[in-house]
Amino acid sequence: REMLGLLLDEDEKLLARVDVTTIDACANGVVRAHSAAVPKPIGDRE
């Protein structure tokens, strides 16, 4: 996200068209958009 802002000279219009995130966060957002209650993901240790 930081490097893209540098490359695009912090052009807010262009940056608004790019979602910069992890795959897990993207997936979580998709599921949340279709369900009010999403189970909490746990880590490898748990």
PDB file of all heavy atoms in Angstrom:
ATOM      1  N   ARG A   1       0.837  -1.207   0.000  1.00  0.00           N
ATOM      2  CA  ARG A   1       0.000   0.000   0.000  1.00  0.00           C
ATOM      3  C   ARG A   1       0.872   1.256   0.000  1.00  0.00           C
ATOM      4  O   ARG A   1       0.603   2.217  -0.728  1.00  0.00           O
ATOM      5  CB  ARG A   1      -0.916  -0.040   1.227  1.00  0.00           C
ATOM      6  CG  ARG A   1      -2.140   0.853   1.138  1.00  0.00           C
ATOM      7  CD  ARG A   1      -3.067   0.630   2.320  1.00  0.00           C
ATOM      8  NE  ARG A   1      -3.601  -0.726   2.356  1.00  0.00           N
ATOM      9  CZ  ARG A   1      -3.308  -1.631   3.288  1.00  0.00           C
ATOM     10  NH1 ARG A   1      -2.491  -1.321   4.264  1.00  0.00           N
ATOM     11  NH2 ARG A   1      -3.851  -2.830   3.245  1.00  0.00           N
ATOM     12  N   GLU A   2       1.925   1.237   0.803  1.00  0.00           N
ATOM     13  CA  GLU A   2       2.828   2.390   0.880  1.00  0.00           C
ATOM     14  C   GLU A   2       3.557   2.610  -0.445  1.00  0.00           C
ATOM     15  O   GLU A   2       3.644   3.734  -0.949  1.00  0.00           O
ATOM     16  CB  GLU A   2       3.842   2.155   2.000  1.00  0.00           C
ATOM     17  CG  GLU A   2       4.899   3.249   2.119  1.00  0.00           C
ATOM     18  CD  GLU A   2       6.053   2.818   3.004  1.00  0.00           C
ATOM     19  OE1 GLU A   2       5.885   1.882   3.816  1.00  0.00           O
ATOM     20  OE2 GLU A   2       7.132   3.410   2.858  1.00  0.00           O
ATOM     21  N   MET A   3       4.075   1.535  -1.028  1.00  0.00           N
ATOM     22  CA  MET A   3       4.825   1.659  -2.270  1.00  0.00           C
ATOM     23  C   MET A   3       3.933   2.051  -3.441  1.00  0.00           C
ATOM     24  O   MET A   3       4.347   2.806  -4.326  1.00  0.00           O
ATOM     25  CB  MET A   3       5.556   0.343  -2.557  1.00  0.00           C
ATOM     26  CG  MET A   3       6.663   0.022  -1.559  1.00  0.00           C
ATOM     27  SD  MET A   3       7.334  -1.645  -1.757  1.00  0.00           S
ATOM     28  CE  MET A   3       8.200  -1.478  -3.317  1.00  0.00           C
ATOM     29  N   LEU A   4       2.694   1.565  -3.450  1.00  0.00           N
ATOM     30  CA  LEU A   4       1.777   1.940  -4.522  1.00  0.00           C
ATOM     31  C   LEU A   4       1.455   3.425  -4.440  1.00  0.00           C
ATOM     32  O   LEU A   4       1.366   4.110  -5.471  1.00  0.00           O
ATOM     33  CB  LEU A   4       0.492   1.112  -4.437  1.00  0.00           C
ATOM     34  CG  LEU A   4      -0.507   1.343  -5.581  1.00  0.00           C
ATOM     35  CD1 LEU A   4       0.088   0.899  -6.912  1.00  0.00           C
ATOM     36  CD2 LEU A   4      -1.818   0.598  -5.320  1.00  0.00           C
ATOM     37  N   GLY A   5       1.285   3.934  -3.216  1.00  0.00           N
ATOM     38  CA  GLY A   5       1.048   5.365  -3.056  1.00  0.00           C
ATOM     39  C   GLY A   5       2.214   6.181  -3.586  1.00  0.00           C
ATOM     40  O   GLY A   5       2.020   7.218  -4.241  1.00  0.00           O
ATOM     41  N   LEU A   6       3.437   5.708  -3.345  1.00  0.00           N
ATOM     42  CA  LEU A   6       4.626   6.385  -3.849  1.00  0.00           C
ATOM     43  C   LEU A   6       4.650   6.369  -5.372  1.00  0.00           C
ATOM     44  O   LEU A   6       4.924   7.389  -6.022  1.00  0.00           O
ATOM     45  CB  LEU A   6       5.876   5.697  -3.288  1.00  0.00           C
ATOM     46  CG  LEU A   6       7.241   6.258  -3.684  1.00  0.00           C
ATOM     47  CD1 LEU A   6       7.445   7.634  -3.086  1.00  0.00           C
ATOM     48  CD2 LEU A   6       8.346   5.301  -3.231  1.00  0.00           C
ATOM     49  N   LEU A   7       4.338   5.226  -5.956  1.00  0.00           N
ATOM     50  CA  LEU A   7       4.368   5.081  -7.405  1.00  0.00           C
ATOM     51  C   LEU A   7       3.307   5.939  -8.088  1.00  0.00           C
ATOM     52  O   LEU A   7       3.542   6.517  -9.155  1.00  0.00           O
ATOM     53  CB  LEU A   7       4.176   3.606  -7.781  1.00  0.00           C
ATOM     54  CG  LEU A   7       4.169   3.268  -9.272  1.00  0.00           C
ATOM     55  CD1 LEU A   7       5.511   3.630  -9.907  1.00  0.00           C
ATOM     56  CD2 LEU A   7       3.878   1.786  -9.479  1.00  0.00           C
ATOM     57  N   LEU A   8       2.131   6.033  -7.478  1.00  0.00           N
ATOM     58  CA  LEU A   8       1.021   6.783  -8.073  1.00  0.00           C
ATOM     59  C   LEU A   8       0.968   8.226  -7.590  1.00  0.00           C
ATOM     60  O   LEU A   8      -0.039   8.915  -7.824  1.00  0.00           O
ATOM     61  CB  LEU A   8      -0.307   6.084  -7.752  1.00  0.00           C
ATOM     62  CG  LEU A   8      -0.459   4.655  -8.281  1.00  0.00           C
ATOM     63  CD1 LEU A   8      -1.819   4.082  -7.868  1.00  0.00           C
ATOM     64  CD2 LEU A   8      -0.303   4.601  -9.793  1.00  0.00           C
ATOM     65  N   ASP A   9       2.034   8.676  -6.904  1.00  0.00           N
ATOM     66  CA  ASP A   9       2.091  10.055  -6.399  1.00  0.00           C
ATOM     67  C   ASP A   9       0.874  10.389  -5.538  1.00  0.00           C
ATOM     68  O   ASP A   9       0.358  11.517  -5.575  1.00  0.00           O
ATOM     69  CB  ASP A   9       2.191  11.049  -7.559  1.00  0.00           C
ATOM     70  CG  ASP A   9       3.497  10.899  -8.329  1.00  0.00           C
ATOM     71  OD1 ASP A   9       4.528  10.659  -7.668  1.00  0.00           O
ATOM     72  OD2 ASP A   9       3.488  11.021  -9.557  1.00  0.00           O
ATOM     73  N   GLU A  10       0.433   9.398  -4.760  1.00  0.00           N
ATOM     74  CA  GLU A  10      -0.695   9.577  -3.834  1.00  0.00           C
ATOM     75  C   GLU A  10      -1.947  10.111  -4.546  1.00  0.00           C
ATOM     76  O   GLU A  10      -2.729  10.873  -3.972  1.00  0.00           O
ATOM     77  CB  GLU A  10      -0.304  10.511  -2.685  1.00  0.00           C
ATOM     78  CG  GLU A  10       0.870  10.023  -1.851  1.00  0.00           C
ATOM     79  CD  GLU A  10       0.624   8.680  -1.170  1.00  0.00           C
ATOM     80  OE1 GLU A  10      -0.557   8.314  -0.973  1.00  0.00           O
ATOM     81  OE2 GLU A  10       1.607   7.997  -0.838  1.00  0.00           O
ATOM     82  N   ASP A  11      -2.135   9.705  -5.802  1.00  0.00           N
ATOM     83  CA  ASP A  11      -3.331  10.095  -6.557  1.00  0.00           C
ATOM     84  C   ASP A  11      -4.538   9.357  -5.967  1.00  0.00           C
ATOM     85  O   ASP A  11      -4.719   8.157  -6.186  1.00  0.00           O
ATOM     86  CB  ASP A  11      -3.162   9.729  -8.033  1.00  0.00           C
ATOM     87  CG  ASP A  11      -4.289  10.255  -8.914  1.00  0.00           C
ATOM     88  OD1 ASP A  11      -5.459  10.184  -8.483  1.00  0.00           O
ATOM     89  OD2 ASP A  11      -4.012  10.707 -10.034  1.00  0.00           O
ATOM     90  N   GLU A  12      -5.374  10.079  -5.210  1.00  0.00           N
ATOM     91  CA  GLU A  12      -6.478   9.453  -4.488  1.00  0.00           C
ATOM     92  C   GLU A  12      -7.478   8.791  -5.427  1.00  0.00           C
ATOM     93  O   GLU A  12      -8.064   7.759  -5.101  1.00  0.00           O
ATOM     94  CB  GLU A  12      -7.191  10.497  -3.617  1.00  0.00           C
ATOM     95  CG  GLU A  12      -6.335  11.060  -2.485  1.00  0.00           C
ATOM     96  CD  GLU A  12      -5.920   9.974  -1.494  1.00  0.00           C
ATOM     97  OE1 GLU A  12      -6.648   8.971  -1.379  1.00  0.00           O
ATOM     98  OE2 GLU A  12      -4.869  10.135  -0.851  1.00  0.00           O
ATOM     99  N   LYS A  13      -7.693   9.379  -6.581  1.00  0.00           N
ATOM    100  CA  LYS A  13      -8.656   8.812  -7.532  1.00  0.00           C
ATOM    101  C   LYS A  13      -8.196   7.444  -8.023  1.00  0.00           C
ATOM    102  O   LYS A  13      -8.996   6.496  -8.105  1.00  0.00           O
ATOM    103  CB  LYS A  13      -8.841   9.760  -8.714  1.00  0.00           C
ATOM    104  CG  LYS A  13      -9.906   9.309  -9.708  1.00  0.00           C
ATOM    105  CD  LYS A  13     -10.091  10.338 -10.815  1.00  0.00           C
ATOM    106  CE  LYS A  13     -11.151   9.869 -11.816  1.00  0.00           C
ATOM    107  NZ  LYS A  13     -11.335  10.860 -12.919  1.00  0.00           N
ATOM    108  N   LEU A  14      -6.912   7.331  -8.334  1.00  0.00           N
ATOM    109  CA  LEU A  14      -6.383   6.042  -8.792  1.00  0.00           C
ATOM    110  C   LEU A  14      -6.313   5.044  -7.639  1.00  0.00           C
ATOM    111  O   LEU A  14      -6.682   3.872  -7.795  1.00  0.00           O
ATOM    112  CB  LEU A  14      -5.000   6.237  -9.407  1.00  0.00           C
ATOM    113  CG  LEU A  14      -4.934   6.988 -10.737  1.00  0.00           C
ATOM    114  CD1 LEU A  14      -3.494   7.157 -11.187  1.00  0.00           C
ATOM    115  CD2 LEU A  14      -5.744   6.265 -11.812  1.00  0.00           C
ATOM    116  N   LEU A  15      -5.827   5.491  -6.479  1.00  0.00           N
ATOM    117  CA  LEU A  15      -5.697   4.589  -5.333  1.00  0.00           C
ATOM    118  C   LEU A  15      -7.041   4.032  -4.893  1.00  0.00           C
ATOM    119  O   LEU A  15      -7.131   2.896  -4.408  1.00  0.00           O
ATOM    120  CB  LEU A  15      -5.020   5.317  -4.165  1.00  0.00           C
ATOM    121  CG  LEU A  15      -3.544   5.638  -4.353  1.00  0.00           C
ATOM    122  CD1 LEU A  15      -3.045   6.563  -3.247  1.00  0.00           C
ATOM    123  CD2 LEU A  15      -2.712   4.362  -4.385  1.00  0.00           C
ATOM    124  N   ALA A  16      -8.114   4.812  -5.087  1.00  0.00           N
ATOM    125  CA  ALA A  16      -9.447   4.356  -4.683  1.00  0.00           C
ATOM    126  C   ALA A  16      -9.926   3.173  -5.511  1.00  0.00           C
ATOM    127  O   ALA A  16     -10.848   2.459  -5.105  1.00  0.00           O
ATOM    128  CB  ALA A  16     -10.435   5.515  -4.787  1.00  0.00           C
ATOM    129  N   ARG A  17      -9.316   2.957  -6.660  1.00  0.00           N
ATOM    130  CA  ARG A  17      -9.729   1.849  -7.529  1.00  0.00           C
ATOM    131  C   ARG A  17      -8.960   0.558  -7.243  1.00  0.00           C
ATOM    132  O   ARG A  17      -9.190  -0.455  -7.895  1.00  0.00           O
ATOM    133  CB  ARG A  17      -9.530   2.239  -8.995  1.00  0.00           C
ATOM    134  CG  ARG A  17     -10.493   3.317  -9.477  1.00  0.00           C
ATOM    135  CD  ARG A  17     -10.119   3.800 -10.870  1.00  0.00           C
ATOM    136  NE  ARG A  17      -9.934   2.690 -11.787  1.00  0.00           N
ATOM    137  CZ  ARG A  17      -9.257   2.777 -12.944  1.00  0.00           C
ATOM    138  NH1 ARG A  17      -8.691   3.925 -13.287  1.00  0.00           N
ATOM    139  NH2 ARG A  17      -9.146   1.731 -13.742  1.00  0.00           N
ATOM    140  N   VAL A  18      -8.044   0.605  -6.271  1.00  0.00           N
ATOM    141  CA  VAL A  18      -7.228  -0.569  -5.959  1.00  0.00           C
ATOM    142  C   VAL A  18      -7.473  -1.000  -4.520  1.00  0.00           C
ATOM    143  O   VAL A  18      -7.303  -0.210  -3.597  1.00  0.00           O
ATOM    144  CB  VAL A  18      -5.725  -0.271  -6.156  1.00  0.00           C
ATOM    145  CG1 VAL A  18      -4.911  -1.557  -5.970  1.00  0.00           C
ATOM    146  CG2 VAL A  18      -5.460   0.337  -7.525  1.00  0.00           C
ATOM    147  N   ASP A  19      -7.882  -2.243  -4.325  1.00  0.00           N
ATOM    148  CA  ASP A  19      -7.993  -2.818  -2.985  1.00  0.00           C
ATOM    149  C   ASP A  19      -6.681  -3.532  -2.674  1.00  0.00           C
ATOM    150  O   ASP A  19      -6.324  -4.506  -3.344  1.00  0.00           O
ATOM    151  CB  ASP A  19      -9.153  -3.815  -2.911  1.00  0.00           C
ATOM    152  CG  ASP A  19     -10.509  -3.132  -2.990  1.00  0.00           C
ATOM    153  OD1 ASP A  19     -10.583  -1.931  -2.679  1.00  0.00           O
ATOM    154  OD2 ASP A  19     -11.490  -3.798  -3.385  1.00  0.00           O
ATOM    155  N   VAL A  20      -5.953  -3.033  -1.684  1.00  0.00           N
ATOM    156  CA  VAL A  20      -4.679  -3.638  -1.290  1.00  0.00           C
ATOM    157  C   VAL A  20      -4.897  -4.344   0.039  1.00  0.00           C
ATOM    158  O   VAL A  20      -5.099  -3.710   1.076  1.00  0.00           O
ATOM    159  CB  VAL A  20      -3.574  -2.573  -1.151  1.00  0.00           C
ATOM    160  CG1 VAL A  20      -2.230  -3.251  -0.907  1.00  0.00           C
ATOM    161  CG2 VAL A  20      -3.511  -1.693  -2.390  1.00  0.00           C
ATOM    162  N   THR A  21      -4.858  -5.660   0.030  1.00  0.00           N
ATOM    163  CA  THR A  21      -5.191  -6.424   1.230  1.00  0.00           C
ATOM    164  C   THR A  21      -4.644  -7.836   1.109  1.00  0.00           C
ATOM    165  O   THR A  21      -4.135  -8.239   0.059  1.00  0.00           O
ATOM    166  CB  THR A  21      -6.716  -6.452   1.429  1.00  0.00           C
ATOM    167  OG1 THR A  21      -7.016  -7.068   2.678  1.00  0.00           O
ATOM    168  CG2 THR A  21      -7.413  -7.217   0.320  1.00  0.00           C
ATOM    169  N   THR A  22      -4.734  -8.596   2.187  1.00  0.00           N
ATOM    170  CA  THR A  22      -4.354 -10.007   2.137  1.00  0.00           C
ATOM    171  C   THR A  22      -5.497 -10.828   1.553  1.00  0.00           C
ATOM    172  O   THR A  22      -6.656 -10.400   1.539  1.00  0.00           O
ATOM    173  CB  THR A  22      -4.027 -10.547   3.539  1.00  0.00           C
ATOM    174  OG1 THR A  22      -5.232 -10.535   4.331  1.00  0.00           O
ATOM    175  CG2 THR A  22      -2.964  -9.705   4.220  1.00  0.00           C
ATOM    176  N   ILE A  23      -5.182 -12.021   1.080  1.00  0.00           N
ATOM    177  CA  ILE A  23      -6.225 -12.897   0.551  1.00  0.00           C
ATOM    178  C   ILE A  23      -7.206 -13.280   1.644  1.00  0.00           C
ATOM    179  O   ILE A  23      -8.419 -13.307   1.435  1.00  0.00           O
ATOM    180  CB  ILE A  23      -5.616 -14.168  -0.087  1.00  0.00           C
ATOM    181  CG1 ILE A  23      -4.822 -13.808  -1.330  1.00  0.00           C
ATOM    182  CG2 ILE A  23      -6.704 -15.151  -0.466  1.00  0.00           C
ATOM    183  CD1 ILE A  23      -3.370 -13.678  -1.156  1.00  0.00           C
ATOM    184  N   ASP A  24      -6.690 -13.547   2.849  1.00  0.00           N
ATOM    185  CA  ASP A  24      -7.585 -13.930   3.944  1.00  0.00           C
ATOM    186  C   ASP A  24      -8.547 -12.801   4.288  1.00  0.00           C
ATOM    187  O   ASP A  24      -9.743 -13.037   4.526  1.00  0.00           O
ATOM    188  CB  ASP A  24      -6.763 -14.308   5.184  1.00  0.00           C
ATOM    189  CG  ASP A  24      -6.067 -15.650   5.039  1.00  0.00           C
ATOM    190  OD1 ASP A  24      -6.441 -16.409   4.132  1.00  0.00           O
ATOM    191  OD2 ASP A  24      -5.139 -15.922   5.824  1.00  0.00           O
ATOM    192  N   ALA A  25      -8.052 -11.566   4.322  1.00  0.00           N
ATOM    193  CA  ALA A  25      -8.925 -10.425   4.626  1.00  0.00           C
ATOM    194  C   ALA A  25      -9.951 -10.222   3.522  1.00  0.00           C
ATOM    195  O   ALA A  25     -11.111  -9.895   3.785  1.00  0.00           O
ATOM    196  CB  ALA A  25      -8.091  -9.162   4.815  1.00  0.00           C
ATOM    197  N   CYS A  26      -9.536 -10.425   2.288  1.00  0.00           N
ATOM    198  CA  CYS A  26     -10.463 -10.307   1.163  1.00  0.00           C
ATOM    199  C   CYS A  26     -11.577 -11.345   1.279  1.00  0.00           C
ATOM    200  O   CYS A  26     -12.757 -11.031   1.129  1.00  0.00           O
ATOM    201  CB  CYS A  26      -9.707 -10.480  -0.153  1.00  0.00           C
ATOM    202  SG  CYS A  26     -10.750 -10.459  -1.624  1.00  0.00           S
ATOM    203  N   ALA A  27     -11.188 -12.585   1.573  1.00  0.00           N
ATOM    204  CA  ALA A  27     -12.176 -13.655   1.710  1.00  0.00           C
ATOM    205  C   ALA A  27     -13.125 -13.380   2.868  1.00  0.00           C
ATOM    206  O   ALA A  27     -14.341 -13.584   2.761  1.00  0.00           O
ATOM    207  CB  ALA A  27     -11.466 -14.990   1.911  1.00  0.00           C
ATOM    208  N   ASN A  28     -12.573 -12.908   3.981  1.00  0.00           N
ATOM    209  CA  ASN A  28     -13.405 -12.603   5.142  1.00  0.00           C
ATOM    210  C   ASN A  28     -14.431 -11.526   4.802  1.00  0.00           C
ATOM    211  O   ASN A  28     -15.593 -11.593   5.208  1.00  0.00           O
ATOM    212  CB  ASN A  28     -12.512 -12.143   6.299  1.00  0.00           C
ATOM    213  CG  ASN A  28     -13.199 -12.277   7.639  1.00  0.00           C
ATOM    214  OD1 ASN A  28     -14.116 -11.530   7.948  1.00  0.00           O
ATOM    215  ND2 ASN A  28     -12.735 -13.222   8.447  1.00  0.00           N
ATOM    216  N   GLY A  29     -14.000 -10.527   4.011  1.00  0.00           N
ATOM    217  CA  GLY A  29     -14.920  -9.470   3.606  1.00  0.00           C
ATOM    218  C   GLY A  29     -16.040  -9.983   2.738  1.00  0.00           C
ATOM    219  O   GLY A  29     -17.199  -9.548   2.865  1.00  0.00           O
ATOM    220  N   VAL A  30     -15.719 -10.924   1.848  1.00  0.00           N
ATOM    221  CA  VAL A  30     -16.751 -11.509   0.982  1.00  0.00           C
ATOM    222  C   VAL A  30     -17.784 -12.256   1.809  1.00  0.00           C
ATOM    223  O   VAL A  30     -18.995 -12.104   1.622  1.00  0.00           O
ATOM    224  CB  VAL A  30     -16.100 -12.452  -0.059  1.00  0.00           C
ATOM    225  CG1 VAL A  30     -17.171 -13.247  -0.797  1.00  0.00           C
ATOM    226  CG2 VAL A  30     -15.249 -11.659  -1.042  1.00  0.00           C
ATOM    227  N   VAL A  31     -17.314 -13.060   2.770  1.00  0.00           N
ATOM    228  CA  VAL A  31     -18.233 -13.844   3.598  1.00  0.00           C
ATOM    229  C   VAL A  31     -19.072 -12.925   4.476  1.00  0.00           C
ATOM    230  O   VAL A  31     -20.291 -13.133   4.634  1.00  0.00           O
ATOM    231  CB  VAL A  31     -17.446 -14.865   4.442  1.00  0.00           C
ATOM    232  CG1 VAL A  31     -18.383 -15.605   5.390  1.00  0.00           C
ATOM    233  CG2 VAL A  31     -16.724 -15.864   3.533  1.00  0.00           C
ATOM    234  N   ARG A  32     -18.470 -11.906   5.050  1.00  0.00           N
ATOM    235  CA  ARG A  32     -19.214 -10.967   5.899  1.00  0.00           C
ATOM    236  C   ARG A  32     -20.298 -10.225   5.124  1.00  0.00           C
ATOM    237  O   ARG A  32     -21.340  -9.879   5.674  1.00  0.00           O
ATOM    238  CB  ARG A  32     -18.258  -9.972   6.546  1.00  0.00           C
ATOM    239  CG  ARG A  32     -17.426 -10.570   7.674  1.00  0.00           C
ATOM    240  CD  ARG A  32     -16.606  -9.508   8.391  1.00  0.00           C
ATOM    241  NE  ARG A  32     -15.840 -10.085   9.486  1.00  0.00           N
ATOM    242  CZ  ARG A  32     -16.340 -10.351  10.692  1.00  0.00           C
ATOM    243  NH1 ARG A  32     -17.614 -10.064  10.944  1.00  0.00           N
ATOM    244  NH2 ARG A  32     -15.595 -10.894  11.639  1.00  0.00           N
ATOM    245  N   ALA A  33     -20.026  -9.976   3.852  1.00  0.00           N
ATOM    246  CA  ALA A  33     -21.019  -9.270   3.036  1.00  0.00           C
ATOM    247  C   ALA A  33     -22.261 -10.121   2.790  1.00  0.00           C
ATOM    248  O   ALA A  33     -23.324  -9.589   2.452  1.00  0.00           O
ATOM    249  CB  ALA A  33     -20.398  -8.866   1.699  1.00  0.00           C
ATOM    250  N   HIS A  34     -22.153 -11.429   2.995  1.00  0.00           N
ATOM    251  CA  HIS A  34     -23.285 -12.327   2.757  1.00  0.00           C
ATOM    252  C   HIS A  34     -23.845 -12.923   4.039  1.00  0.00           C
ATOM    253  O   HIS A  34     -24.819 -13.672   3.996  1.00  0.00           O
ATOM    254  CB  HIS A  34     -22.849 -13.469   1.830  1.00  0.00           C
ATOM    255  CG  HIS A  34     -22.615 -13.039   0.414  1.00  0.00           C
ATOM    256  ND1 HIS A  34     -21.454 -12.405   0.020  1.00  0.00           N
ATOM    257  CD2 HIS A  34     -23.410 -13.139  -0.692  1.00  0.00           C
ATOM    258  CE1 HIS A  34     -21.527 -12.150  -1.278  1.00  0.00           C
ATOM    259  NE2 HIS A  34     -22.694 -12.577  -1.730  1.00  0.00           N
ATOM    260  N   SER A  35     -23.229 -12.613   5.185  1.00  0.00           N
ATOM    261  CA  SER A  35     -23.691 -13.201   6.436  1.00  0.00           C
ATOM    262  C   SER A  35     -23.413 -12.242   7.584  1.00  0.00           C
ATOM    263  O   SER A  35     -22.317 -11.680   7.681  1.00  0.00           O
ATOM    264  CB  SER A  35     -22.991 -14.543   6.696  1.00  0.00           C
ATOM    265  OG  SER A  35     -23.346 -15.072   7.946  1.00  0.00           O
ATOM    266  N   ALA A  36     -24.373 -12.082   8.444  1.00  0.00           N
ATOM    267  CA  ALA A  36     -24.220 -11.159   9.574  1.00  0.00           C
ATOM    268  C   ALA A  36     -23.235 -11.705  10.601  1.00  0.00           C
ATOM    269  O   ALA A  36     -22.526 -10.946  11.263  1.00  0.00           O
ATOM    270  CB  ALA A  36     -25.573 -10.904  10.230  1.00  0.00           C
ATOM    271  N   ALA A  37     -23.207 -13.029  10.763  1.00  0.00           N
ATOM    272  CA  ALA A  37     -22.336 -13.648  11.763  1.00  0.00           C
ATOM    273  C   ALA A  37     -21.326 -14.563  11.075  1.00  0.00           C
ATOM    274  O   ALA A  37     -21.708 -15.522  10.414  1.00  0.00           O
ATOM    275  CB  ALA A  37     -23.165 -14.447  12.767  1.00  0.00           C
ATOM    276  N   VAL A  38     -20.055 -14.233  11.216  1.00  0.00           N
ATOM    277  CA  VAL A  38     -18.990 -15.038  10.633  1.00  0.00           C
ATOM    278  C   VAL A  38     -18.137 -15.592  11.766  1.00  0.00           C
ATOM    279  O   VAL A  38     -17.680 -14.838  12.626  1.00  0.00           O
ATOM    280  CB  VAL A  38     -18.109 -14.202   9.682  1.00  0.00           C
ATOM    281  CG1 VAL A  38     -16.976 -15.047   9.121  1.00  0.00           C
ATOM    282  CG2 VAL A  38     -18.949 -13.610   8.565  1.00  0.00           C
ATOM    283  N   PRO A  39     -17.935 -16.917  11.804  1.00  0.00           N
ATOM    284  CA  PRO A  39     -17.105 -17.485  12.875  1.00  0.00           C
ATOM    285  C   PRO A  39     -15.714 -16.855  12.897  1.00  0.00           C
ATOM    286  O   PRO A  39     -15.185 -16.438  11.866  1.00  0.00           O
ATOM    287  CB  PRO A  39     -17.031 -18.971  12.512  1.00  0.00           C
ATOM    288  CG  PRO A  39     -18.218 -19.212  11.637  1.00  0.00           C
ATOM    289  CD  PRO A  39     -18.442 -17.944  10.885  1.00  0.00           C
ATOM    290  N   LYS A  40     -15.118 -16.802  14.065  1.00  0.00           N
ATOM    291  CA  LYS A  40     -13.799 -16.207  14.214  1.00  0.00           C
ATOM    292  C   LYS A  40     -12.717 -17.204  13.781  1.00  0.00           C
ATOM    293  O   LYS A  40     -12.670 -18.330  14.273  1.00  0.00           O
ATOM    294  CB  LYS A  40     -13.577 -15.826  15.676  1.00  0.00           C
ATOM    295  CG  LYS A  40     -12.179 -15.310  15.967  1.00  0.00           C
ATOM    296  CD  LYS A  40     -11.982 -15.114  17.470  1.00  0.00           C
ATOM    297  CE  LYS A  40     -10.536 -14.724  17.791  1.00  0.00           C
ATOM    298  NZ  LYS A  40     -10.314 -14.601  19.246  1.00  0.00           N
ATOM    299  N   PRO A  41     -11.836 -16.806  12.858  1.00  0.00           N
ATOM    300  CA  PRO A  41     -10.759 -17.728  12.459  1.00  0.00           C
ATOM    301  C   PRO A  41      -9.690 -17.808  13.541  1.00  0.00           C
ATOM    302  O   PRO A  41      -9.366 -16.815  14.197  1.00  0.00           O
ATOM    303  CB  PRO A  41     -10.206 -17.083  11.184  1.00  0.00           C
ATOM    304  CG  PRO A  41     -10.544 -15.630  11.312  1.00  0.00           C
ATOM    305  CD  PRO A  41     -11.845 -15.561  12.074  1.00  0.00           C
ATOM    306  N   ILE A  42      -9.143 -19.000  13.755  1.00  0.00           N
ATOM    307  CA  ILE A  42      -8.100 -19.194  14.755  1.00  0.00           C
ATOM    308  C   ILE A  42      -6.782 -19.536  14.069  1.00  0.00           C
ATOM    309  O   ILE A  42      -6.752 -19.954  12.908  1.00  0.00           O
ATOM    310  CB  ILE A  42      -8.475 -20.288  15.768  1.00  0.00           C
ATOM    311  CG1 ILE A  42      -8.669 -21.647  15.065  1.00  0.00           C
ATOM    312  CG2 ILE A  42      -9.735 -19.901  16.532  1.00  0.00           C
ATOM    313  CD1 ILE A  42      -8.890 -22.800  16.022  1.00  0.00           C
ATOM    314  N   GLY A  43      -5.699 -19.367  14.809  1.00  0.00           N
ATOM    315  CA  GLY A  43      -4.374 -19.585  14.252  1.00  0.00           C
ATOM    316  C   GLY A  43      -3.914 -21.026  14.353  1.00  0.00           C
ATOM    317  O   GLY A  43      -4.618 -21.902  14.871  1.00  0.00           O
ATOM    318  N   ASP A  44      -2.695 -21.269  13.860  1.00  0.00           N
ATOM    319  CA  ASP A  44      -2.157 -22.627  13.810  1.00  0.00           C
ATOM    320  C   ASP A  44      -1.999 -23.229  15.204  1.00  0.00           C
ATOM    321  O   ASP A  44      -2.246 -24.423  15.403  1.00  0.00           O
ATOM    322  CB  ASP A  44      -0.797 -22.621  13.100  1.00  0.00           C
ATOM    323  CG  ASP A  44      -0.924 -22.295  11.623  1.00  0.00           C
ATOM    324  OD1 ASP A  44      -2.045 -22.424  11.077  1.00  0.00           O
ATOM    325  OD2 ASP A  44       0.090 -21.906  11.007  1.00  0.00           O
ATOM    326  N   ARG A  45      -1.583 -22.427  16.173  1.00  0.00           N
ATOM    327  CA  ARG A  45      -1.359 -22.960  17.514  1.00  0.00           C
ATOM    328  C   ARG A  45      -2.661 -23.463  18.128  1.00  0.00           C
ATOM    329  O   ARG A  45      -2.703 -24.563  18.686  1.00  0.00           O
ATOM    330  CB  ARG A  45      -0.751 -21.873  18.401  1.00  0.00           C
ATOM    331  CG  ARG A  45      -0.437 -22.337  19.809  1.00  0.00           C
ATOM    332  CD  ARG A  45       0.213 -21.224  20.616  1.00  0.00           C
ATOM    333  NE  ARG A  45       0.506 -21.647  21.981  1.00  0.00           N
ATOM    334  CZ  ARG A  45       1.045 -20.860  22.899  1.00  0.00           C
ATOM    335  NH1 ARG A  45       1.364 -19.608  22.589  1.00  0.00           N
ATOM    336  NH2 ARG A  45       1.278 -21.311  24.115  1.00  0.00           N
ATOM    337  N   GLU A  46      -3.725 -22.671  18.000  1.00  0.00           N
ATOM    338  CA  GLU A  46      -5.022 -23.093  18.539  1.00  0.00           C
ATOM    339  C   GLU A  46      -5.542 -24.323  17.801  1.00  0.00           C
ATOM    340  O   GLU A  46      -6.139 -25.226  18.408  1.00  0.00           O
ATOM    341  CB  GLU A  46      -6.031 -21.955  18.435  1.00  0.00           C
ATOM    342  CG  GLU A  46      -5.736 -20.758  19.329  1.00  0.00           C
ATOM    343  CD  GLU A  46      -4.786 -19.771  18.666  1.00  0.00           C
ATOM    344  OE1 GLU A  46      -4.225 -20.089  17.599  1.00  0.00           O
ATOM    345  OE2 GLU A  46      -4.602 -18.673  19.241  1.00  0.00           O
TER     346      GLU A  46
END
